[in-house]
Amino acid sequence: MQTAGTTRLNGGSLDAILPLQINGGTLDGSGSVDASVRSDAEVSPGLSPGTLSSRGDFTQGNAGQLTVQLGGSTPTTSTSSRSPVRSRSTARSTSA
């Protein structure tokens, strides 16, 4: 469980047996989390740009904030100009 500070991925992976609970601080960077993620803090994918992947469910709680980088107004399928979050299972927001 993270309650403060920053966990930054720089192309690597973070392995966890239990779901990763982010209650405070920031999870950012590019790479993969090899677990489900529950965030009630800030998740900011990318290192201008980049992709943050979760190999389990990704749940953004009511107190959570998702900060993404957008690369202009032209639609594209390329990830070279944006910073997405990818989940291999379910991505959901639990806003009220």
Protein backbone atom coordinates (compact mmCIF):
# COMPACT_ATOMS: atom_id res chain seq x y z
CA MET A 1 0.00 0.00 0.00
CA GLN A 2 1.29 3.44 -0.95
CA THR A 3 0.16 6.40 1.16
CA ALA A 4 2.57 9.14 -0.02
CA GLY A 5 5.49 9.80 -2.35
CA THR A 6 6.02 8.70 -5.94
CA THR A 7 6.38 5.28 -7.50
CA ARG A 8 7.90 5.83 -10.95
CA LEU A 9 8.30 3.15 -13.60
CA ASN A 10 10.97 3.79 -16.21
CA GLY A 11 10.34 0.99 -18.69
CA GLY A 12 10.37 -1.80 -16.12
CA SER A 13 7.72 -3.69 -14.23
CA LEU A 14 6.39 -3.74 -10.69
CA ASP A 15 5.34 -7.21 -9.52
CA ALA A 16 2.88 -7.70 -6.67
CA ILE A 17 1.04 -10.74 -5.37
CA LEU A 18 -1.81 -8.68 -3.89
CA PRO A 19 -3.57 -5.81 -5.67
CA LEU A 20 -1.55 -2.58 -5.59
CA GLN A 21 -3.40 -0.02 -3.45
CA ILE A 22 -2.45 3.62 -4.09
CA ASN A 23 -4.00 5.73 -1.29
CA GLY A 24 -1.72 8.76 -1.61
CA GLY A 25 1.07 10.15 -3.73
CA THR A 26 1.58 9.26 -7.38
CA LEU A 27 2.08 6.23 -9.60
CA ASP A 28 3.67 7.44 -12.83
CA GLY A 29 5.99 6.62 -15.69
CA SER A 30 6.06 3.98 -18.39
CA GLY A 31 6.05 0.25 -17.83
CA SER A 32 3.78 -2.40 -16.38
CA VAL A 33 2.28 -3.27 -13.04
CA ASP A 34 1.96 -7.05 -12.85
CA ALA A 35 -1.05 -6.92 -10.53
CA SER A 36 -4.45 -5.29 -10.21
CA VAL A 37 -4.35 -1.59 -9.27
CA ARG A 38 -6.80 0.36 -7.08
CA SER A 39 -6.04 4.09 -7.04
CA ASP A 40 -7.44 6.72 -4.70
CA ALA A 41 -4.48 8.98 -5.52
CA GLU A 42 -2.86 10.20 -8.76
CA VAL A 43 -1.97 7.92 -11.66
CA SER A 44 0.00 9.67 -14.40
CA PRO A 45 1.08 7.38 -17.25
CA GLY A 46 3.96 8.22 -19.49
CA LEU A 47 7.32 9.89 -19.54
CA SER A 48 6.32 12.24 -22.37
CA PRO A 49 4.82 10.07 -23.88
CA GLY A 50 4.55 6.50 -22.69
CA THR A 51 2.21 3.76 -21.58
CA LEU A 52 1.43 2.44 -18.12
CA SER A 53 -0.07 -1.06 -18.23
CA SER A 54 -1.80 -3.11 -15.58
CA ARG A 55 -1.89 -6.88 -16.03
CA GLY A 56 -4.96 -7.03 -13.79
CA ASP A 57 -7.96 -4.80 -13.14
CA PHE A 58 -7.45 -1.03 -12.91
CA THR A 59 -9.92 0.76 -10.62
CA GLN A 60 -9.91 4.53 -10.17
CA GLY A 61 -11.62 5.41 -6.88
CA ASN A 62 -13.66 8.53 -6.05
CA ALA A 63 -10.63 10.32 -4.59
CA GLY A 64 -8.36 9.29 -7.45
CA GLN A 65 -7.01 11.46 -10.24
CA LEU A 66 -5.93 10.25 -13.67
CA THR A 67 -3.52 12.67 -15.37
CA VAL A 68 -2.84 11.97 -19.05
CA GLN A 69 -0.82 13.70 -21.76
CA LEU A 70 -2.65 14.44 -24.99
CA GLY A 71 -0.75 15.00 -28.21
CA GLY A 72 -2.88 17.39 -30.23
CA SER A 73 -6.33 17.32 -31.76
CA THR A 74 -5.72 14.89 -34.65
CA PRO A 75 -7.02 11.34 -34.01
CA THR A 76 -4.31 8.71 -34.20
CA THR A 77 -3.75 5.07 -33.37
CA SER A 78 -0.11 5.77 -32.56
CA THR A 79 1.01 5.92 -28.93
CA SER A 80 3.88 8.25 -29.89
CA SER A 81 1.93 11.36 -28.93
CA ARG A 82 -0.19 10.27 -25.97
CA SER A 83 0.09 8.44 -22.68
CA PRO A 84 -2.60 5.79 -22.22
CA VAL A 85 -3.41 3.44 -19.37
CA ARG A 86 -3.89 -0.15 -20.51
CA SER A 87 -5.47 -2.93 -18.50
CA ARG A 88 -5.51 -6.57 -19.56
CA SER A 89 -8.67 -7.16 -17.52
CA THR A 90 -11.15 -4.44 -16.51
CA ALA A 91 -10.63 -0.69 -16.23
CA ARG A 92 -13.28 1.14 -14.24
CA SER A 93 -13.99 4.35 -12.41
CA THR A 94 -15.98 4.30 -9.19
CA SER A 95 -17.11 7.94 -9.22
CA ALA A 96 -20.40 8.76 -7.55
